[in-house]
N, C-alpha and C. Protein backbone atom coordinates (compact mmCIF):
# COMPACT_ATOMS: atom_id res chain seq x y z
N UNK A 1 103.70 -52.20 158.24
CA UNK A 1 104.08 -52.24 157.20
C UNK A 1 103.41 -51.03 156.03
N UNK A 2 104.08 -51.25 154.60
CA UNK A 2 103.09 -49.97 153.91
C UNK A 2 102.59 -50.35 152.93
N UNK A 3 101.21 -49.32 152.88
CA UNK A 3 99.78 -50.13 151.66
C UNK A 3 100.50 -50.17 150.09
N UNK A 4 100.56 -50.70 149.60
CA UNK A 4 100.05 -50.44 148.02
C UNK A 4 99.04 -49.69 147.66
N UNK A 5 99.91 -48.43 147.13
CA UNK A 5 98.61 -47.40 146.65
C UNK A 5 99.04 -46.88 145.05
N UNK A 6 98.02 -47.87 143.87
CA UNK A 6 98.02 -47.31 142.94
C UNK A 6 97.64 -45.72 142.70
N UNK A 7 98.39 -44.93 141.95
CA UNK A 7 98.20 -43.64 141.98
C UNK A 7 98.17 -43.05 140.35
N UNK A 8 97.39 -42.46 140.56
CA UNK A 8 96.19 -41.80 138.78
C UNK A 8 96.71 -40.71 138.92
N UNK A 9 97.30 -39.59 139.08
CA UNK A 9 98.13 -38.69 139.13
C UNK A 9 98.66 -38.41 139.87
N UNK A 10 99.99 -37.22 140.02
CA UNK A 10 101.17 -36.62 140.54
C UNK A 10 100.85 -35.47 141.74
N UNK A 11 99.24 -35.25 141.44
CA UNK A 11 98.93 -34.64 142.08
C UNK A 11 98.25 -35.57 143.38
N UNK A 12 98.61 -36.87 143.20
CA UNK A 12 97.64 -37.84 144.35
C UNK A 12 99.37 -38.25 145.13
N UNK A 13 100.27 -38.49 143.93
CA UNK A 13 101.44 -38.68 144.79
C UNK A 13 102.15 -38.35 145.55
N UNK A 14 101.90 -36.53 145.52
CA UNK A 14 101.99 -35.33 146.10
C UNK A 14 101.71 -34.85 147.05
N UNK A 15 100.26 -34.83 147.33
CA UNK A 15 99.59 -35.25 148.60
C UNK A 15 100.00 -36.31 149.45
N UNK A 16 99.58 -37.84 148.91
CA UNK A 16 100.41 -38.75 149.92
C UNK A 16 101.83 -38.07 150.31
N UNK A 17 103.10 -38.01 149.56
CA UNK A 17 104.41 -37.40 150.39
C UNK A 17 104.18 -36.17 151.17
N UNK A 18 102.80 -35.52 150.83
CA UNK A 18 103.01 -34.10 151.62
C UNK A 18 102.71 -34.41 152.83
N UNK A 19 101.86 -35.20 153.26
CA UNK A 19 101.20 -35.80 154.11
C UNK A 19 102.26 -36.94 155.09
N UNK A 20 103.12 -37.38 154.70
CA UNK A 20 104.53 -38.35 155.14
C UNK A 20 105.10 -37.23 155.43
N UNK A 21 105.34 -36.05 155.18
CA UNK A 21 106.58 -35.12 155.23
C UNK A 21 106.34 -34.38 157.23
N UNK A 22 104.69 -34.17 156.78
CA UNK A 22 103.94 -33.40 158.32
C UNK A 22 104.31 -34.81 159.09
N UNK A 23 103.33 -36.52 158.86
CA UNK A 23 103.41 -36.86 159.81
C UNK A 23 105.61 -37.11 160.41
N UNK A 24 106.40 -37.40 159.28
CA UNK A 24 107.60 -37.79 159.93
C UNK A 24 107.63 -36.12 160.75
N UNK A 25 107.64 -34.97 160.53
CA UNK A 25 108.00 -33.67 161.83
C UNK A 25 106.95 -34.18 163.19
N UNK A 26 106.11 -34.53 162.62
CA UNK A 26 105.61 -35.03 164.12
C UNK A 26 105.88 -35.97 165.04
N UNK A 27 106.14 -36.67 164.47
CA UNK A 27 107.15 -37.84 164.89
C UNK A 27 108.51 -37.58 165.55
N UNK A 28 109.14 -36.00 164.99
CA UNK A 28 110.33 -35.96 164.71
C UNK A 28 110.36 -35.24 166.61
N UNK A 29 109.45 -34.18 166.24
CA UNK A 29 108.76 -33.47 167.14
C UNK A 29 108.13 -34.19 168.86
N UNK A 30 107.52 -35.12 168.77
CA UNK A 30 107.25 -36.04 169.70
C UNK A 30 108.42 -36.69 170.44
N UNK A 31 109.40 -36.76 169.23
CA UNK A 31 110.86 -37.63 169.74
C UNK A 31 111.16 -36.65 170.83
N UNK A 32 111.80 -36.02 170.18
CA UNK A 32 112.01 -34.11 171.26
C UNK A 32 111.47 -33.98 172.55
N UNK A 33 110.56 -33.93 172.75
CA UNK A 33 109.42 -33.84 174.05
C UNK A 33 109.32 -35.10 174.65
N UNK A 34 110.23 -36.42 174.50
CA UNK A 34 110.28 -37.04 174.93
C UNK A 34 111.61 -37.13 175.97
N UNK A 35 112.18 -36.88 174.75
CA UNK A 35 113.88 -36.71 175.25
C UNK A 35 114.02 -35.58 176.38
N UNK A 36 113.65 -34.46 175.82
CA UNK A 36 113.44 -33.20 176.82
C UNK A 36 112.23 -33.70 178.09
N UNK A 37 111.99 -34.73 178.05
CA UNK A 37 111.44 -35.18 179.49
C UNK A 37 112.10 -35.69 180.63
N UNK A 38 112.73 -37.34 179.77
CA UNK A 38 113.80 -37.33 180.23
C UNK A 38 114.68 -36.87 180.94
N UNK A 39 115.31 -35.98 180.24
CA UNK A 39 116.78 -35.31 180.55
C UNK A 39 115.75 -34.34 182.48
N UNK A 40 114.31 -33.90 181.97
CA UNK A 40 113.82 -33.34 183.46
C UNK A 40 113.86 -33.97 184.33
N UNK A 41 113.66 -35.57 183.94
CA UNK A 41 113.57 -36.53 185.32
C UNK A 41 114.83 -36.93 185.38
N UNK A 42 115.30 -36.53 184.81
CA UNK A 42 116.78 -37.19 185.19
C UNK A 42 117.55 -36.45 186.10
N UNK A 43 116.75 -34.69 186.20
CA UNK A 43 117.86 -33.69 186.45
C UNK A 43 118.43 -34.48 187.94
N UNK A 44 119.47 -33.52 188.42
CA UNK A 44 119.89 -34.32 189.83
C UNK A 44 118.41 -33.73 191.47
N UNK A 45 118.06 -32.21 190.67
CA UNK A 45 117.59 -32.16 191.58
C UNK A 45 116.08 -32.54 191.83
N UNK A 46 115.79 -32.91 190.69
CA UNK A 46 114.24 -33.90 190.30
C UNK A 46 114.74 -35.28 190.98
N UNK A 47 115.37 -35.55 191.61
CA UNK A 47 116.25 -37.36 191.78
C UNK A 47 115.86 -37.02 193.28
N UNK A 48 116.66 -35.88 193.62
CA UNK A 48 116.49 -36.11 195.15
C UNK A 48 115.37 -35.26 195.75
N UNK A 49 114.55 -34.50 194.88
CA UNK A 49 112.84 -34.74 195.39
C UNK A 49 112.40 -35.72 195.03
N UNK A 50 112.77 -36.88 194.49
CA UNK A 50 111.85 -37.89 194.75
C UNK A 50 112.38 -38.87 195.91
N UNK A 51 113.66 -38.55 196.83
CA UNK A 51 114.27 -39.51 197.67
C UNK A 51 114.25 -38.99 198.99
N UNK A 52 113.94 -37.54 198.97
CA UNK A 52 113.60 -36.40 200.09
C UNK A 52 112.09 -37.13 201.40
N UNK A 53 111.12 -38.11 200.42
CA UNK A 53 110.53 -38.89 201.73
C UNK A 53 111.07 -40.02 201.92
N UNK A 54 111.57 -40.42 200.74
CA UNK A 54 112.35 -41.67 201.67
C UNK A 54 113.51 -41.35 202.74
N UNK A 55 114.40 -40.91 202.86
CA UNK A 55 115.44 -40.27 203.85
C UNK A 55 114.60 -39.62 204.77
N UNK A 56 114.17 -39.28 204.85
CA UNK A 56 113.35 -38.37 205.99
C UNK A 56 112.36 -39.62 206.60
N UNK A 57 111.63 -41.08 206.48
CA UNK A 57 111.41 -41.52 207.02
C UNK A 57 112.40 -42.48 207.38
N UNK A 58 113.30 -42.81 207.12
CA UNK A 58 114.69 -43.42 207.14
C UNK A 58 115.34 -42.73 208.64
N UNK A 59 115.66 -41.26 208.31
CA UNK A 59 116.16 -40.28 209.59
C UNK A 59 115.30 -40.83 210.80
N UNK A 60 113.66 -39.85 210.65
CA UNK A 60 112.85 -40.65 211.96
C UNK A 60 113.41 -41.87 212.49
N UNK A 61 113.13 -42.96 211.20
CA UNK A 61 113.39 -44.24 212.52
C UNK A 61 114.40 -44.43 213.12
N UNK A 62 115.75 -44.03 212.36
CA UNK A 62 116.69 -44.01 213.13
C UNK A 62 116.77 -43.25 214.34
N UNK A 63 116.21 -41.82 214.38
CA UNK A 63 115.33 -40.82 216.17
C UNK A 63 115.15 -41.65 216.65
N UNK A 64 113.96 -42.48 216.11
CA UNK A 64 113.52 -43.07 217.19
C UNK A 64 114.29 -44.57 217.40
N UNK A 65 114.91 -45.28 217.18
CA UNK A 65 115.56 -46.27 217.25
C UNK A 65 116.56 -45.30 218.69
N UNK A 66 117.47 -44.48 218.67
CA UNK A 66 118.18 -43.97 219.38
C UNK A 66 117.18 -43.50 221.25
N UNK A 67 116.13 -43.08 220.67
CA UNK A 67 115.31 -42.51 221.32
C UNK A 67 114.91 -44.08 222.58
N UNK A 68 114.65 -44.99 221.27
CA UNK A 68 114.12 -46.08 222.58
C UNK A 68 115.36 -46.94 223.12
N UNK A 69 116.63 -46.77 222.67
CA UNK A 69 117.07 -47.17 223.28
C UNK A 69 117.78 -46.80 224.46
N UNK A 70 117.85 -44.67 224.18
CA UNK A 70 118.10 -44.48 225.88
C UNK A 70 116.96 -44.67 226.93
N UNK A 71 115.83 -44.51 226.56
CA UNK A 71 114.98 -45.20 227.53
C UNK A 71 114.39 -46.34 228.11
N UNK A 72 115.59 -47.59 227.91
CA UNK A 72 115.64 -48.66 228.18
C UNK A 72 116.88 -48.62 228.85
């Protein structure tokens, strides 16, 4: 919610407008960084990299089952 400020000079208005402009620019840059971060996280090699340990565990489990079946 915006605060209501009573301004005495145009310089004070200009100063607040400048501050708001800078805050908007900072927020835009934060948004750009967030979008880039999401893009990097969703990149196929990153997704596969996160799945590799799970795939490895499943593969080891299947190999172990085959070996145990042959021993019985």
